[in-house]
């Protein structure tokens, strides 16, 4: 007994399986790393001079605004 399937149906089936696999691995990764990732609000800084918003993942004490090149202290500008 042979099962006949045309090329487009086989390609659609293979692509669907790949998409499902990627989605399941993404769900597994985000569920396991939920407690490891911090809030993005911890990394956001705003320059008090030009009001440019910077995402600073390095968490430096001193940081430089990329727009106006001001050297700023993180603790003095936290609210």
PDB file of N, CA and C in Angstrom:
ATOM      1  N   UNK A   1       0.844  -1.174   0.000  1.00  0.00           N
ATOM      2  CA  UNK A   1       0.000   0.000   0.000  1.00  0.00           C
ATOM      3  C   UNK A   1       0.888   1.235   0.000  1.00  0.00           C
ATOM      4  N   UNK A   2       0.707   2.094  -0.940  1.00  0.00           N
ATOM      5  CA  UNK A   2       1.480   3.322  -1.049  1.00  0.00           C
ATOM      6  C   UNK A   2       0.586   4.520  -0.776  1.00  0.00           C
ATOM      7  N   UNK A   3       1.188   5.487  -0.110  1.00  0.00           N
ATOM      8  CA  UNK A   3       0.489   6.744   0.131  1.00  0.00           C
ATOM      9  C   UNK A   3       1.078   7.770  -0.821  1.00  0.00           C
ATOM     10  N   UNK A   4       0.273   8.312  -1.676  1.00  0.00           N
ATOM     11  CA  UNK A   4       0.737   9.300  -2.636  1.00  0.00           C
ATOM     12  C   UNK A   4       0.433  10.698  -2.098  1.00  0.00           C
ATOM     13  N   UNK A   5       1.444  11.547  -2.158  1.00  0.00           N
ATOM     14  CA  UNK A   5       1.296  12.933  -1.710  1.00  0.00           C
ATOM     15  C   UNK A   5       2.058  13.804  -2.706  1.00  0.00           C
ATOM     16  N   UNK A   6       1.471  14.911  -3.085  1.00  0.00           N
ATOM     17  CA  UNK A   6       2.159  15.768  -4.042  1.00  0.00           C
ATOM     18  C   UNK A   6       3.213  16.629  -3.330  1.00  0.00           C
ATOM     19  N   UNK A   7       4.047  17.248  -4.123  1.00  0.00           N
ATOM     20  CA  UNK A   7       5.191  17.981  -3.595  1.00  0.00           C
ATOM     21  C   UNK A   7       4.779  19.168  -2.732  1.00  0.00           C
ATOM     22  N   UNK A   8       3.788  19.920  -3.125  1.00  0.00           N
ATOM     23  CA  UNK A   8       3.371  21.114  -2.378  1.00  0.00           C
ATOM     24  C   UNK A   8       2.781  20.741  -1.014  1.00  0.00           C
ATOM     25  N   UNK A   9       2.064  19.653  -0.941  1.00  0.00           N
ATOM     26  CA  UNK A   9       1.510  19.214   0.341  1.00  0.00           C
ATOM     27  C   UNK A   9       2.621  18.729   1.271  1.00  0.00           C
ATOM     28  N   UNK A  10       3.611  18.035   0.726  1.00  0.00           N
ATOM     29  CA  UNK A  10       4.737  17.576   1.540  1.00  0.00           C
ATOM     30  C   UNK A  10       5.543  18.752   2.055  1.00  0.00           C
ATOM     31  N   UNK A  11       5.757  19.753   1.204  1.00  0.00           N
ATOM     32  CA  UNK A  11       6.490  20.950   1.619  1.00  0.00           C
ATOM     33  C   UNK A  11       5.723  21.713   2.694  1.00  0.00           C
ATOM     34  N   UNK A  12       4.426  21.847   2.541  1.00  0.00           N
ATOM     35  CA  UNK A  12       3.614  22.528   3.541  1.00  0.00           C
ATOM     36  C   UNK A  12       3.635  21.786   4.871  1.00  0.00           C
ATOM     37  N   UNK A  13       3.598  20.480   4.841  1.00  0.00           N
ATOM     38  CA  UNK A  13       3.658  19.685   6.059  1.00  0.00           C
ATOM     39  C   UNK A  13       5.003  19.843   6.761  1.00  0.00           C
ATOM     40  N   UNK A  14       6.087  19.812   5.993  1.00  0.00           N
ATOM     41  CA  UNK A  14       7.431  19.968   6.584  1.00  0.00           C
ATOM     42  C   UNK A  14       7.599  21.355   7.194  1.00  0.00           C
ATOM     43  N   UNK A  15       7.164  22.392   6.498  1.00  0.00           N
ATOM     44  CA  UNK A  15       7.276  23.746   7.031  1.00  0.00           C
ATOM     45  C   UNK A  15       6.421  23.932   8.275  1.00  0.00           C
ATOM     46  N   UNK A  16       5.262  23.341   8.309  1.00  0.00           N
ATOM     47  CA  UNK A  16       4.410  23.415   9.493  1.00  0.00           C
ATOM     48  C   UNK A  16       5.069  22.753  10.695  1.00  0.00           C
ATOM     49  N   UNK A  17       5.683  21.608  10.465  1.00  0.00           N
ATOM     50  CA  UNK A  17       6.383  20.929  11.557  1.00  0.00           C
ATOM     51  C   UNK A  17       7.558  21.754  12.083  1.00  0.00           C
ATOM     52  N   UNK A  18       8.279  22.415  11.201  1.00  0.00           N
ATOM     53  CA  UNK A  18       9.406  23.264  11.620  1.00  0.00           C
ATOM     54  C   UNK A  18       8.897  24.444  12.448  1.00  0.00           C
ATOM     55  N   UNK A  19       7.822  25.062  12.011  1.00  0.00           N
ATOM     56  CA  UNK A  19       7.263  26.200  12.754  1.00  0.00           C
ATOM     57  C   UNK A  19       6.777  25.756  14.126  1.00  0.00           C
ATOM     58  N   UNK A  20       6.144  24.635  14.215  1.00  0.00           N
ATOM     59  CA  UNK A  20       5.673  24.108  15.508  1.00  0.00           C
ATOM     60  C   UNK A  20       6.846  23.792  16.420  1.00  0.00           C
ATOM     61  N   UNK A  21       7.907  23.230  15.879  1.00  0.00           N
ATOM     62  CA  UNK A  21       9.105  22.936  16.675  1.00  0.00           C
ATOM     63  C   UNK A  21       9.754  24.200  17.214  1.00  0.00           C
ATOM     64  N   UNK A  22       9.879  25.223  16.383  1.00  0.00           N
ATOM     65  CA  UNK A  22      10.468  26.494  16.824  1.00  0.00           C
ATOM     66  C   UNK A  22       9.604  27.136  17.905  1.00  0.00           C
ATOM     67  N   UNK A  23       8.300  27.117  17.720  1.00  0.00           N
ATOM     68  CA  UNK A  23       7.389  27.699  18.701  1.00  0.00           C
ATOM     69  C   UNK A  23       7.475  26.970  20.042  1.00  0.00           C
ATOM     70  N   UNK A  24       7.525  25.655  20.024  1.00  0.00           N
ATOM     71  CA  UNK A  24       7.612  24.880  21.271  1.00  0.00           C
ATOM     72  C   UNK A  24       8.941  25.124  21.979  1.00  0.00           C
ATOM     73  N   UNK A  25      10.024  25.222  21.213  1.00  0.00           N
ATOM     74  CA  UNK A  25      11.313  25.496  21.854  1.00  0.00           C
ATOM     75  C   UNK A  25      11.349  26.901  22.423  1.00  0.00           C
ATOM     76  N   UNK A  26      10.710  27.864  21.747  1.00  0.00           N
ATOM     77  CA  UNK A  26      10.637  29.221  22.278  1.00  0.00           C
ATOM     78  C   UNK A  26       9.835  29.247  23.578  1.00  0.00           C
ATOM     79  N   UNK A  27       8.717  28.535  23.626  1.00  0.00           N
ATOM     80  CA  UNK A  27       7.924  28.465  24.860  1.00  0.00           C
ATOM     81  C   UNK A  27       8.718  27.837  26.000  1.00  0.00           C
ATOM     82  N   UNK A  28       9.432  26.778  25.712  1.00  0.00           N
ATOM     83  CA  UNK A  28      10.253  26.116  26.720  1.00  0.00           C
ATOM     84  C   UNK A  28      11.340  27.051  27.233  1.00  0.00           C
ATOM     85  N   UNK A  29      11.989  27.775  26.346  1.00  0.00           N
ATOM     86  CA  UNK A  29      13.064  28.689  26.736  1.00  0.00           C
ATOM     87  C   UNK A  29      12.538  29.833  27.588  1.00  0.00           C
ATOM     88  N   UNK A  30      11.433  30.454  27.190  1.00  0.00           N
ATOM     89  CA  UNK A  30      10.913  31.594  27.951  1.00  0.00           C
ATOM     90  C   UNK A  30      10.331  31.158  29.290  1.00  0.00           C
ATOM     91  N   UNK A  31       9.754  29.989  29.355  1.00  0.00           N
ATOM     92  CA  UNK A  31       9.202  29.515  30.616  1.00  0.00           C
ATOM     93  C   UNK A  31      10.313  29.197  31.624  1.00  0.00           C
ATOM     94  N   UNK A  32      11.422  28.629  31.157  1.00  0.00           N
ATOM     95  CA  UNK A  32      12.523  28.286  32.048  1.00  0.00           C
ATOM     96  C   UNK A  32      13.359  29.494  32.449  1.00  0.00           C
ATOM     97  N   UNK A  33      13.389  30.532  31.652  1.00  0.00           N
ATOM     98  CA  UNK A  33      14.225  31.693  31.941  1.00  0.00           C
ATOM     99  C   UNK A  33      13.426  32.885  32.456  1.00  0.00           C
ATOM    100  N   UNK A  34      12.205  32.670  32.859  1.00  0.00           N
ATOM    101  CA  UNK A  34      11.377  33.775  33.322  1.00  0.00           C
ATOM    102  C   UNK A  34      11.937  34.396  34.599  1.00  0.00           C
ATOM    103  N   UNK A  35      12.401  33.590  35.526  1.00  0.00           N
ATOM    104  CA  UNK A  35      12.910  34.127  36.781  1.00  0.00           C
ATOM    105  C   UNK A  35      14.309  34.710  36.629  1.00  0.00           C
ATOM    106  N   UNK A  36      15.017  34.385  35.568  1.00  0.00           N
ATOM    107  CA  UNK A  36      16.372  34.894  35.361  1.00  0.00           C
ATOM    108  C   UNK A  36      16.380  36.289  34.778  1.00  0.00           C
ATOM    109  N   UNK A  37      15.407  36.622  33.962  1.00  0.00           N
ATOM    110  CA  UNK A  37      15.404  37.919  33.299  1.00  0.00           C
ATOM    111  C   UNK A  37      14.774  38.980  34.204  1.00  0.00           C
ATOM    112  N   UNK A  38      15.407  40.144  34.208  1.00  0.00           N
ATOM    113  CA  UNK A  38      14.909  41.251  35.014  1.00  0.00           C
ATOM    114  C   UNK A  38      13.980  42.137  34.205  1.00  0.00           C
ATOM    115  N   UNK A  39      13.414  43.087  34.871  1.00  0.00           N
ATOM    116  CA  UNK A  39      12.531  44.019  34.205  1.00  0.00           C
ATOM    117  C   UNK A  39      13.361  44.993  33.371  1.00  0.00           C
ATOM    118  N   UNK A  40      12.822  45.423  32.254  1.00  0.00           N
ATOM    119  CA  UNK A  40      13.525  46.367  31.393  1.00  0.00           C
ATOM    120  C   UNK A  40      13.632  47.726  32.067  1.00  0.00           C
ATOM    121  N   UNK A  41      12.762  48.010  33.030  1.00  0.00           N
ATOM    122  CA  UNK A  41      12.792  49.302  33.718  1.00  0.00           C
ATOM    123  C   UNK A  41      14.069  49.492  34.521  1.00  0.00           C
ATOM    124  N   UNK A  42      14.740  48.423  34.898  1.00  0.00           N
ATOM    125  CA  UNK A  42      15.999  48.533  35.628  1.00  0.00           C
ATOM    126  C   UNK A  42      17.110  49.088  34.751  1.00  0.00           C
ATOM    127  N   UNK A  43      17.005  48.939  33.452  1.00  0.00           N
ATOM    128  CA  UNK A  43      18.070  49.310  32.536  1.00  0.00           C
ATOM    129  C   UNK A  43      17.840  50.635  31.817  1.00  0.00           C
ATOM    130  N   UNK A  44      16.683  51.220  31.959  1.00  0.00           N
ATOM    131  CA  UNK A  44      16.354  52.437  31.223  1.00  0.00           C
ATOM    132  C   UNK A  44      16.837  53.653  31.994  1.00  0.00           C
ATOM    133  N   UNK A  45      17.578  54.511  31.296  1.00  0.00           N
ATOM    134  CA  UNK A  45      18.048  55.778  31.853  1.00  0.00           C
ATOM    135  C   UNK A  45      17.584  56.900  30.934  1.00  0.00           C
ATOM    136  N   UNK A  46      17.356  58.070  31.510  1.00  0.00           N
ATOM    137  CA  UNK A  46      16.975  59.221  30.703  1.00  0.00           C
ATOM    138  C   UNK A  46      17.915  60.367  31.011  1.00  0.00           C
ATOM    139  N   UNK A  47      18.441  60.963  29.978  1.00  0.00           N
ATOM    140  CA  UNK A  47      19.337  62.112  30.137  1.00  0.00           C
ATOM    141  C   UNK A  47      18.515  63.302  30.604  1.00  0.00           C
ATOM    142  N   UNK A  48      18.933  63.985  31.686  1.00  0.00           N
ATOM    143  CA  UNK A  48      18.153  65.126  32.175  1.00  0.00           C
ATOM    144  C   UNK A  48      18.318  66.376  31.317  1.00  0.00           C
ATOM    145  N   UNK A  49      19.298  66.402  30.431  1.00  0.00           N
ATOM    146  CA  UNK A  49      19.555  67.590  29.613  1.00  0.00           C
ATOM    147  C   UNK A  49      18.831  67.547  28.269  1.00  0.00           C
ATOM    148  N   UNK A  50      18.967  66.448  27.549  1.00  0.00           N
ATOM    149  CA  UNK A  50      18.335  66.369  26.229  1.00  0.00           C
ATOM    150  C   UNK A  50      17.125  65.434  26.220  1.00  0.00           C
ATOM    151  N   UNK A  51      16.845  64.773  27.346  1.00  0.00           N
ATOM    152  CA  UNK A  51      15.719  63.861  27.534  1.00  0.00           C
ATOM    153  C   UNK A  51      15.778  62.632  26.634  1.00  0.00           C
ATOM    154  N   UNK A  52      16.984  62.266  26.203  1.00  0.00           N
ATOM    155  CA  UNK A  52      17.187  61.070  25.391  1.00  0.00           C
ATOM    156  C   UNK A  52      17.093  59.842  26.295  1.00  0.00           C
ATOM    157  N   UNK A  53      16.419  58.806  25.845  1.00  0.00           N
ATOM    158  CA  UNK A  53      16.253  57.587  26.637  1.00  0.00           C
ATOM    159  C   UNK A  53      17.269  56.554  26.171  1.00  0.00           C
ATOM    160  N   UNK A  54      18.019  56.004  27.131  1.00  0.00           N
ATOM    161  CA  UNK A  54      19.091  55.057  26.846  1.00  0.00           C
ATOM    162  C   UNK A  54      18.792  53.763  27.587  1.00  0.00           C
ATOM    163  N   UNK A  55      18.981  52.636  26.921  1.00  0.00           N
ATOM    164  CA  UNK A  55      18.890  51.334  27.572  1.00  0.00           C
ATOM    165  C   UNK A  55      20.318  50.915  27.898  1.00  0.00           C
ATOM    166  N   UNK A  56      20.653  50.886  29.192  1.00  0.00           N
ATOM    167  CA  UNK A  56      22.015  50.617  29.652  1.00  0.00           C
ATOM    168  C   UNK A  56      22.052  49.253  30.316  1.00  0.00           C
ATOM    169  N   UNK A  57      22.444  48.228  29.557  1.00  0.00           N
ATOM    170  CA  UNK A  57      22.473  46.872  30.092  1.00  0.00           C
ATOM    171  C   UNK A  57      23.700  46.609  30.954  1.00  0.00           C
ATOM    172  N   UNK A  58      24.706  47.452  30.865  1.00  0.00           N
ATOM    173  CA  UNK A  58      25.936  47.227  31.624  1.00  0.00           C
ATOM    174  C   UNK A  58      25.826  47.709  33.064  1.00  0.00           C
ATOM    175  N   UNK A  59      24.828  48.518  33.357  1.00  0.00           N
ATOM    176  CA  UNK A  59      24.565  49.016  34.712  1.00  0.00           C
ATOM    177  C   UNK A  59      25.790  49.731  35.290  1.00  0.00           C
ATOM    178  N   UNK A  60      26.377  50.609  34.522  1.00  0.00           N
ATOM    179  CA  UNK A  60      27.536  51.371  34.978  1.00  0.00           C
ATOM    180  C   UNK A  60      27.090  52.483  35.911  1.00  0.00           C
ATOM    181  N   UNK A  61      27.998  52.878  36.816  1.00  0.00           N
ATOM    182  CA  UNK A  61      27.696  53.978  37.717  1.00  0.00           C
ATOM    183  C   UNK A  61      27.706  55.297  36.943  1.00  0.00           C
ATOM    184  N   UNK A  62      28.684  55.456  36.074  1.00  0.00           N
ATOM    185  CA  UNK A  62      28.752  56.623  35.200  1.00  0.00           C
ATOM    186  C   UNK A  62      28.414  56.188  33.785  1.00  0.00           C
ATOM    187  N   UNK A  63      27.588  56.958  33.110  1.00  0.00           N
ATOM    188  CA  UNK A  63      27.245  56.639  31.732  1.00  0.00           C
ATOM    189  C   UNK A  63      27.223  57.915  30.918  1.00  0.00           C
ATOM    190  N   UNK A  64      27.391  57.751  29.631  1.00  0.00           N
ATOM    191  CA  UNK A  64      27.488  58.890  28.725  1.00  0.00           C
ATOM    192  C   UNK A  64      26.297  58.887  27.784  1.00  0.00           C
ATOM    193  N   UNK A  65      25.655  60.029  27.688  1.00  0.00           N
ATOM    194  CA  UNK A  65      24.504  60.162  26.788  1.00  0.00           C
ATOM    195  C   UNK A  65      25.007  60.131  25.345  1.00  0.00           C
ATOM    196  N   UNK A  66      24.440  59.266  24.505  1.00  0.00           N
ATOM    197  CA  UNK A  66      24.903  59.199  23.121  1.00  0.00           C
ATOM    198  C   UNK A  66      24.502  60.410  22.277  1.00  0.00           C
ATOM    199  N   UNK A  67      23.493  61.139  22.691  1.00  0.00           N
ATOM    200  CA  UNK A  67      23.043  62.281  21.893  1.00  0.00           C
ATOM    201  C   UNK A  67      23.819  63.554  22.223  1.00  0.00           C
ATOM    202  N   UNK A  68      23.899  63.931  23.507  1.00  0.00           N
ATOM    203  CA  UNK A  68      24.535  65.204  23.870  1.00  0.00           C
ATOM    204  C   UNK A  68      25.927  65.020  24.480  1.00  0.00           C
ATOM    205  N   UNK A  69      26.373  63.768  24.648  1.00  0.00           N
ATOM    206  CA  UNK A  69      27.701  63.432  25.179  1.00  0.00           C
ATOM    207  C   UNK A  69      27.934  63.932  26.600  1.00  0.00           C
ATOM    208  N   UNK A  70      26.888  64.063  27.374  1.00  0.00           N
ATOM    209  CA  UNK A  70      27.020  64.449  28.783  1.00  0.00           C
ATOM    210  C   UNK A  70      27.395  63.225  29.606  1.00  0.00           C
ATOM    211  N   UNK A  71      28.305  63.413  30.543  1.00  0.00           N
ATOM    212  CA  UNK A  71      28.696  62.346  31.451  1.00  0.00           C
ATOM    213  C   UNK A  71      27.801  62.445  32.678  1.00  0.00           C
ATOM    214  N   UNK A  72      27.072  61.371  32.993  1.00  0.00           N
ATOM    215  CA  UNK A  72      26.051  61.431  34.027  1.00  0.00           C
ATOM    216  C   UNK A  72      26.275  60.351  35.061  1.00  0.00           C
ATOM    217  N   UNK A  73      25.886  60.643  36.296  1.00  0.00           N
ATOM    218  CA  UNK A  73      25.963  59.710  37.403  1.00  0.00           C
ATOM    219  C   UNK A  73      24.600  59.062  37.556  1.00  0.00           C
ATOM    220  N   UNK A  74      24.569  57.742  37.634  1.00  0.00           N
ATOM    221  CA  UNK A  74      23.306  57.011  37.678  1.00  0.00           C
ATOM    222  C   UNK A  74      22.527  57.285  38.968  1.00  0.00           C
ATOM    223  N   UNK A  75      23.210  57.303  40.112  1.00  0.00           N
ATOM    224  CA  UNK A  75      22.516  57.453  41.390  1.00  0.00           C
ATOM    225  C   UNK A  75      21.914  58.852  41.571  1.00  0.00           C
ATOM    226  N   UNK A  76      22.528  59.881  41.001  1.00  0.00           N
ATOM    227  CA  UNK A  76      22.005  61.228  41.193  1.00  0.00           C
ATOM    228  C   UNK A  76      20.752  61.498  40.370  1.00  0.00           C
ATOM    229  N   UNK A  77      20.502  60.691  39.342  1.00  0.00           N
ATOM    230  CA  UNK A  77      19.342  60.915  38.484  1.00  0.00           C
ATOM    231  C   UNK A  77      18.214  59.919  38.712  1.00  0.00           C
ATOM    232  N   UNK A  78      18.382  58.991  39.638  1.00  0.00           N
ATOM    233  CA  UNK A  78      17.287  58.040  39.927  1.00  0.00           C
ATOM    234  C   UNK A  78      16.235  58.738  40.759  1.00  0.00           C
ATOM    235  N   UNK A  79      15.005  58.344  40.508  1.00  0.00           N
ATOM    236  CA  UNK A  79      13.899  58.953  41.268  1.00  0.00           C
ATOM    237  C   UNK A  79      13.342  57.972  42.236  1.00  0.00           C
TER     238      UNK A  79
END
